[in-house]
């Protein structure tokens, strides 16, 4: 991957919504904001990448609260790009944050983990491959 294609560190690289009724919510956002859905096979069911109405550029994911996502509450989850996930998780703990979900691999795209900041807000940290 060339340098100009790598995500900027500290930027929000993605956003997901994990809900028990992903198909219904997919249809809701399709009708309300015009997002177009494309299915993502996650082994036995589909989650959805949502694209813009004009260019179909990917904007967000809508995911079922199943499998490894079963315990995620229904909320928009931002993914913040970091240089070194392990170092960021260590600093999180040192500064009063908590690791909510241990690091996981996202295919060949990179790794991520969910954290809670000292105020109780939850986000994901993502280390691009």
N, C-alpha and C. Protein backbone atom coordinates (compact mmCIF):
# COMPACT_ATOMS: atom_id res chain seq x y z
N UNK A 1 0.85 -1.17 0.00
CA UNK A 1 0.00 0.00 0.00
C UNK A 1 0.90 1.23 0.00
N UNK A 2 0.64 2.17 -0.88
CA UNK A 2 1.45 3.38 -0.93
C UNK A 2 1.12 4.29 0.23
N UNK A 3 2.07 5.17 0.56
CA UNK A 3 1.89 6.07 1.70
C UNK A 3 0.63 6.91 1.56
N UNK A 4 0.33 7.44 0.36
CA UNK A 4 -0.82 8.31 0.19
C UNK A 4 -2.15 7.57 0.40
N UNK A 5 -2.16 6.26 0.38
CA UNK A 5 -3.39 5.51 0.58
C UNK A 5 -3.58 5.06 2.03
N UNK A 6 -2.54 5.20 2.85
CA UNK A 6 -2.66 4.80 4.24
C UNK A 6 -3.54 5.80 4.99
N UNK A 7 -4.37 5.32 5.90
CA UNK A 7 -5.21 6.24 6.67
C UNK A 7 -4.37 7.15 7.56
N UNK A 8 -4.81 8.36 7.73
CA UNK A 8 -4.11 9.29 8.59
C UNK A 8 -4.28 8.87 10.05
N UNK A 9 -3.17 8.79 10.77
CA UNK A 9 -3.21 8.41 12.18
C UNK A 9 -3.98 9.47 12.95
N UNK A 10 -4.86 9.02 13.83
CA UNK A 10 -5.69 9.91 14.62
C UNK A 10 -7.01 10.25 13.97
N UNK A 11 -7.17 9.88 12.70
CA UNK A 11 -8.44 10.14 12.03
C UNK A 11 -9.44 9.03 12.32
N UNK A 12 -10.70 9.34 12.14
CA UNK A 12 -11.75 8.33 12.27
C UNK A 12 -11.84 7.63 10.92
N UNK A 13 -11.52 6.35 10.94
CA UNK A 13 -11.43 5.59 9.70
C UNK A 13 -12.69 4.85 9.32
N UNK A 14 -13.58 4.61 10.27
CA UNK A 14 -14.78 3.82 9.98
C UNK A 14 -15.76 4.01 11.12
N UNK A 15 -17.00 3.65 10.88
CA UNK A 15 -18.03 3.67 11.91
C UNK A 15 -18.96 2.49 11.66
N UNK A 16 -19.29 1.79 12.73
CA UNK A 16 -20.21 0.64 12.67
C UNK A 16 -21.36 0.86 13.64
N UNK A 17 -22.48 0.30 13.29
CA UNK A 17 -23.62 0.22 14.20
C UNK A 17 -23.94 -1.25 14.36
N UNK A 18 -23.89 -1.76 15.58
CA UNK A 18 -24.19 -3.16 15.86
C UNK A 18 -25.51 -3.23 16.61
N UNK A 19 -26.48 -3.95 16.05
CA UNK A 19 -27.83 -4.01 16.59
C UNK A 19 -28.41 -5.42 16.44
N UNK A 20 -29.39 -5.78 17.26
CA UNK A 20 -30.01 -7.10 17.12
C UNK A 20 -30.77 -7.26 15.80
N UNK A 21 -31.27 -6.16 15.23
CA UNK A 21 -32.11 -6.19 14.04
C UNK A 21 -31.45 -5.45 12.88
N UNK A 22 -30.28 -5.92 12.46
CA UNK A 22 -29.49 -5.22 11.44
C UNK A 22 -30.22 -5.06 10.12
N UNK A 23 -30.99 -6.03 9.70
CA UNK A 23 -31.69 -5.94 8.42
C UNK A 23 -32.72 -4.81 8.46
N UNK A 24 -33.47 -4.73 9.54
CA UNK A 24 -34.45 -3.65 9.70
C UNK A 24 -33.77 -2.29 9.74
N UNK A 25 -32.68 -2.19 10.48
CA UNK A 25 -31.96 -0.92 10.60
C UNK A 25 -31.30 -0.55 9.27
N UNK A 26 -30.79 -1.54 8.55
CA UNK A 26 -30.26 -1.30 7.19
C UNK A 26 -31.32 -0.65 6.33
N UNK A 27 -32.52 -1.19 6.35
CA UNK A 27 -33.62 -0.66 5.55
C UNK A 27 -34.02 0.74 6.02
N UNK A 28 -33.98 0.97 7.34
CA UNK A 28 -34.30 2.28 7.90
C UNK A 28 -33.37 3.35 7.32
N UNK A 29 -32.04 3.10 7.40
CA UNK A 29 -31.08 4.09 6.91
C UNK A 29 -31.12 4.22 5.39
N UNK A 30 -31.48 3.15 4.71
CA UNK A 30 -31.66 3.24 3.27
C UNK A 30 -32.79 4.19 2.92
N UNK A 31 -33.90 4.10 3.65
CA UNK A 31 -35.05 4.95 3.39
C UNK A 31 -34.86 6.39 3.89
N UNK A 32 -34.20 6.54 5.04
CA UNK A 32 -34.07 7.87 5.64
C UNK A 32 -32.96 8.71 5.00
N UNK A 33 -31.79 8.11 4.74
CA UNK A 33 -30.66 8.89 4.20
C UNK A 33 -30.22 8.44 2.81
N UNK A 34 -30.81 7.38 2.30
CA UNK A 34 -30.49 6.94 0.95
C UNK A 34 -29.30 6.02 0.82
N UNK A 35 -28.76 5.55 1.96
CA UNK A 35 -27.62 4.65 1.88
C UNK A 35 -27.99 3.37 1.13
N UNK A 36 -27.05 2.87 0.34
CA UNK A 36 -27.21 1.61 -0.38
C UNK A 36 -26.44 0.53 0.37
N UNK A 37 -27.05 -0.62 0.51
CA UNK A 37 -26.43 -1.72 1.27
C UNK A 37 -25.77 -2.72 0.34
N UNK A 38 -24.61 -3.22 0.78
CA UNK A 38 -24.01 -4.39 0.14
C UNK A 38 -23.67 -5.37 1.27
N UNK A 39 -23.99 -6.62 1.04
CA UNK A 39 -23.80 -7.64 2.05
C UNK A 39 -22.34 -8.01 2.26
N UNK A 40 -22.02 -8.34 3.51
CA UNK A 40 -20.69 -8.81 3.88
C UNK A 40 -20.88 -10.14 4.61
N UNK A 41 -20.39 -11.22 4.02
CA UNK A 41 -20.53 -12.54 4.62
C UNK A 41 -19.64 -12.64 5.86
N UNK A 42 -20.27 -12.93 6.99
CA UNK A 42 -19.52 -13.09 8.24
C UNK A 42 -19.66 -14.50 8.79
N UNK A 43 -19.91 -15.45 7.89
CA UNK A 43 -19.97 -16.85 8.29
C UNK A 43 -21.34 -17.25 8.79
N UNK A 44 -22.25 -17.47 7.89
CA UNK A 44 -23.59 -17.93 8.26
C UNK A 44 -24.65 -16.84 8.22
N UNK A 45 -24.26 -15.61 8.10
CA UNK A 45 -25.20 -14.50 7.96
C UNK A 45 -24.46 -13.31 7.35
N UNK A 46 -25.22 -12.27 7.00
CA UNK A 46 -24.63 -11.09 6.39
C UNK A 46 -24.75 -9.87 7.27
N UNK A 47 -23.65 -9.12 7.40
CA UNK A 47 -23.68 -7.76 7.89
C UNK A 47 -23.69 -6.89 6.63
N UNK A 48 -23.68 -5.56 6.81
CA UNK A 48 -23.86 -4.69 5.65
C UNK A 48 -22.89 -3.52 5.65
N UNK A 49 -22.27 -3.28 4.50
CA UNK A 49 -21.57 -2.03 4.25
C UNK A 49 -22.59 -1.09 3.63
N UNK A 50 -22.64 0.13 4.12
CA UNK A 50 -23.61 1.10 3.64
C UNK A 50 -22.88 2.17 2.83
N UNK A 51 -23.35 2.40 1.60
CA UNK A 51 -22.72 3.36 0.71
C UNK A 51 -23.61 4.56 0.45
N UNK A 52 -22.99 5.64 0.01
CA UNK A 52 -23.72 6.88 -0.27
C UNK A 52 -24.66 6.70 -1.45
N UNK A 53 -25.74 7.49 -1.50
CA UNK A 53 -26.71 7.35 -2.59
C UNK A 53 -26.16 7.71 -3.96
N UNK A 54 -25.24 8.67 -4.04
CA UNK A 54 -24.75 9.12 -5.35
C UNK A 54 -23.61 8.28 -5.89
N UNK A 55 -22.59 8.02 -5.07
CA UNK A 55 -21.40 7.32 -5.57
C UNK A 55 -21.27 5.91 -5.03
N UNK A 56 -22.10 5.55 -4.06
CA UNK A 56 -22.02 4.25 -3.39
C UNK A 56 -20.71 4.09 -2.62
N UNK A 57 -20.06 5.22 -2.27
CA UNK A 57 -18.84 5.18 -1.46
C UNK A 57 -19.18 4.64 -0.08
N UNK A 58 -18.40 3.69 0.43
CA UNK A 58 -18.68 3.13 1.75
C UNK A 58 -18.63 4.20 2.85
N UNK A 59 -19.67 4.24 3.69
CA UNK A 59 -19.77 5.22 4.76
C UNK A 59 -19.78 4.60 6.14
N UNK A 60 -20.38 3.42 6.25
CA UNK A 60 -20.58 2.83 7.57
C UNK A 60 -20.91 1.35 7.42
N UNK A 61 -20.85 0.66 8.55
CA UNK A 61 -21.28 -0.72 8.60
C UNK A 61 -22.49 -0.85 9.52
N UNK A 62 -23.39 -1.73 9.16
CA UNK A 62 -24.50 -2.08 10.05
C UNK A 62 -24.38 -3.58 10.28
N UNK A 63 -24.20 -3.95 11.55
CA UNK A 63 -23.84 -5.31 11.91
C UNK A 63 -24.87 -5.93 12.85
N UNK A 64 -25.03 -7.24 12.73
CA UNK A 64 -25.87 -8.00 13.66
C UNK A 64 -25.14 -8.18 14.98
N UNK A 65 -25.85 -8.10 16.06
CA UNK A 65 -25.28 -8.37 17.39
C UNK A 65 -25.26 -9.89 17.60
N UNK A 66 -24.37 -10.55 16.86
CA UNK A 66 -24.22 -12.00 16.92
C UNK A 66 -22.74 -12.35 17.00
N UNK A 67 -22.45 -13.61 17.30
CA UNK A 67 -21.07 -14.07 17.32
C UNK A 67 -20.22 -13.20 18.23
N UNK A 68 -19.06 -12.77 17.72
CA UNK A 68 -18.17 -11.97 18.56
C UNK A 68 -18.73 -10.59 18.84
N UNK A 69 -19.79 -10.19 18.15
CA UNK A 69 -20.44 -8.89 18.39
C UNK A 69 -21.66 -9.01 19.30
N UNK A 70 -21.92 -10.17 19.85
CA UNK A 70 -23.15 -10.41 20.62
C UNK A 70 -23.28 -9.49 21.83
N UNK A 71 -22.19 -9.11 22.44
CA UNK A 71 -22.25 -8.31 23.67
C UNK A 71 -22.14 -6.80 23.42
N UNK A 72 -22.05 -6.38 22.15
CA UNK A 72 -21.91 -4.95 21.85
C UNK A 72 -23.29 -4.29 21.94
N UNK A 73 -23.41 -3.23 22.75
CA UNK A 73 -24.70 -2.54 22.85
C UNK A 73 -25.00 -1.76 21.57
N UNK A 74 -26.27 -1.50 21.28
CA UNK A 74 -26.62 -0.75 20.06
C UNK A 74 -26.18 0.70 20.17
N UNK A 75 -25.07 1.01 19.53
CA UNK A 75 -24.52 2.37 19.51
C UNK A 75 -23.59 2.48 18.31
N UNK A 76 -23.46 3.68 17.77
CA UNK A 76 -22.50 3.90 16.70
C UNK A 76 -21.10 3.80 17.28
N UNK A 77 -20.24 2.98 16.69
CA UNK A 77 -18.87 2.76 17.15
C UNK A 77 -17.91 3.37 16.13
N UNK A 78 -17.11 4.36 16.58
CA UNK A 78 -16.09 4.91 15.70
C UNK A 78 -14.81 4.12 15.85
N UNK A 79 -14.03 4.04 14.77
CA UNK A 79 -12.73 3.38 14.75
C UNK A 79 -11.68 4.45 14.49
N UNK A 80 -10.82 4.69 15.47
CA UNK A 80 -9.79 5.71 15.36
C UNK A 80 -8.47 5.04 14.99
N UNK A 81 -7.84 5.53 13.93
CA UNK A 81 -6.58 4.96 13.45
C UNK A 81 -5.43 5.29 14.39
N UNK A 82 -4.65 4.26 14.75
CA UNK A 82 -3.47 4.42 15.60
C UNK A 82 -2.26 3.75 14.93
N UNK A 83 -1.07 4.16 15.32
CA UNK A 83 0.17 3.60 14.77
C UNK A 83 0.40 2.20 15.30
N UNK A 84 0.26 2.04 16.63
CA UNK A 84 0.61 0.79 17.31
C UNK A 84 -0.50 0.46 18.30
N UNK A 85 -1.34 -0.50 17.95
CA UNK A 85 -2.49 -0.84 18.78
C UNK A 85 -2.06 -1.26 20.18
N UNK A 86 -1.06 -2.11 20.29
CA UNK A 86 -0.63 -2.59 21.61
C UNK A 86 -0.17 -1.44 22.50
N UNK A 87 0.62 -0.52 21.94
CA UNK A 87 1.08 0.63 22.72
C UNK A 87 -0.08 1.53 23.12
N UNK A 88 -1.05 1.72 22.23
CA UNK A 88 -2.21 2.55 22.55
C UNK A 88 -3.06 1.91 23.65
N UNK A 89 -3.21 0.59 23.62
CA UNK A 89 -3.97 -0.10 24.66
C UNK A 89 -3.26 0.01 26.01
N UNK A 90 -1.96 -0.08 25.99
CA UNK A 90 -1.19 0.07 27.24
C UNK A 90 -1.39 1.47 27.82
N UNK A 91 -1.28 2.49 26.98
CA UNK A 91 -1.48 3.87 27.43
C UNK A 91 -2.90 4.08 27.92
N UNK A 92 -3.87 3.47 27.27
CA UNK A 92 -5.27 3.56 27.69
C UNK A 92 -5.40 3.16 29.15
N UNK A 93 -4.85 2.00 29.50
CA UNK A 93 -4.92 1.52 30.87
C UNK A 93 -4.18 2.41 31.85
N UNK A 94 -3.01 2.90 31.43
CA UNK A 94 -2.22 3.77 32.30
C UNK A 94 -2.93 5.08 32.62
N UNK A 95 -3.78 5.52 31.69
CA UNK A 95 -4.44 6.82 31.84
C UNK A 95 -5.88 6.71 32.34
N UNK A 96 -6.26 5.54 32.87
CA UNK A 96 -7.57 5.38 33.48
C UNK A 96 -8.65 4.84 32.58
N UNK A 97 -8.29 4.43 31.36
CA UNK A 97 -9.26 3.82 30.47
C UNK A 97 -9.32 2.31 30.69
N UNK A 98 -10.22 1.65 29.98
CA UNK A 98 -10.38 0.20 30.09
C UNK A 98 -10.44 -0.42 28.70
N UNK A 99 -9.97 -1.63 28.60
CA UNK A 99 -10.14 -2.39 27.36
C UNK A 99 -11.47 -3.12 27.49
N UNK A 100 -12.39 -2.82 26.58
CA UNK A 100 -13.73 -3.42 26.59
C UNK A 100 -13.73 -4.74 25.83
N UNK A 101 -13.02 -4.79 24.71
CA UNK A 101 -12.90 -6.01 23.91
C UNK A 101 -11.47 -6.10 23.43
N UNK A 102 -10.82 -7.23 23.70
CA UNK A 102 -9.43 -7.44 23.32
C UNK A 102 -9.24 -7.32 21.81
N UNK A 103 -8.00 -7.17 21.39
CA UNK A 103 -7.71 -6.96 19.98
C UNK A 103 -8.15 -8.15 19.13
N UNK A 104 -8.62 -7.80 17.95
CA UNK A 104 -9.08 -8.77 16.96
C UNK A 104 -8.51 -8.37 15.61
N UNK A 105 -8.40 -9.35 14.74
CA UNK A 105 -7.94 -9.08 13.38
C UNK A 105 -9.14 -8.82 12.49
N UNK A 106 -9.01 -7.83 11.62
CA UNK A 106 -10.05 -7.53 10.64
C UNK A 106 -9.53 -7.91 9.26
N UNK A 107 -9.50 -9.22 9.03
CA UNK A 107 -8.98 -9.73 7.76
C UNK A 107 -7.57 -9.24 7.51
N UNK A 108 -7.29 -8.82 6.28
CA UNK A 108 -5.96 -8.30 5.96
C UNK A 108 -5.91 -6.77 6.08
N UNK A 109 -6.95 -6.18 6.69
CA UNK A 109 -7.03 -4.72 6.83
C UNK A 109 -6.27 -4.20 8.05
N UNK A 110 -6.17 -5.01 9.10
CA UNK A 110 -5.48 -4.57 10.31
C UNK A 110 -6.08 -5.21 11.55
N UNK A 111 -5.82 -4.57 12.71
CA UNK A 111 -6.33 -5.07 13.99
C UNK A 111 -7.04 -3.94 14.72
N UNK A 112 -7.96 -4.33 15.60
CA UNK A 112 -8.67 -3.33 16.38
C UNK A 112 -9.02 -3.88 17.76
N UNK A 113 -9.32 -2.97 18.67
CA UNK A 113 -9.81 -3.31 20.01
C UNK A 113 -10.74 -2.19 20.45
N UNK A 114 -11.67 -2.52 21.33
CA UNK A 114 -12.60 -1.52 21.85
C UNK A 114 -12.15 -1.10 23.24
N UNK A 115 -12.21 0.21 23.46
CA UNK A 115 -11.80 0.76 24.75
C UNK A 115 -12.89 1.66 25.32
N UNK A 116 -12.78 1.91 26.60
CA UNK A 116 -13.63 2.88 27.28
C UNK A 116 -12.71 3.94 27.87
N UNK A 117 -13.02 5.21 27.60
CA UNK A 117 -12.17 6.28 28.15
C UNK A 117 -12.56 6.54 29.60
N UNK A 118 -11.82 7.39 30.33
CA UNK A 118 -12.11 7.63 31.74
C UNK A 118 -13.52 8.19 32.01
N UNK A 119 -14.14 8.80 30.99
CA UNK A 119 -15.50 9.34 31.16
C UNK A 119 -16.57 8.28 30.89
N UNK A 120 -16.17 7.11 30.39
CA UNK A 120 -17.12 6.04 30.11
C UNK A 120 -17.53 5.93 28.65
N UNK A 121 -17.00 6.80 27.77
CA UNK A 121 -17.32 6.71 26.34
C UNK A 121 -16.52 5.57 25.70
N UNK A 122 -17.15 4.87 24.78
CA UNK A 122 -16.54 3.70 24.14
C UNK A 122 -16.22 4.01 22.68
N UNK A 123 -15.06 3.54 22.22
CA UNK A 123 -14.67 3.64 20.82
C UNK A 123 -13.76 2.44 20.51
N UNK A 124 -13.40 2.32 19.25
CA UNK A 124 -12.45 1.28 18.85
C UNK A 124 -11.18 1.96 18.35
N UNK A 125 -10.05 1.34 18.65
CA UNK A 125 -8.76 1.76 18.13
C UNK A 125 -8.39 0.79 17.04
N UNK A 126 -7.94 1.31 15.89
CA UNK A 126 -7.65 0.47 14.73
C UNK A 126 -6.23 0.73 14.23
N UNK A 127 -5.46 -0.35 14.13
CA UNK A 127 -4.11 -0.29 13.56
C UNK A 127 -4.17 -0.84 12.16
N UNK A 128 -4.08 0.05 11.14
CA UNK A 128 -4.15 -0.43 9.76
C UNK A 128 -2.96 -1.34 9.43
N UNK A 129 -3.21 -2.30 8.56
CA UNK A 129 -2.14 -3.20 8.12
C UNK A 129 -1.11 -2.45 7.31
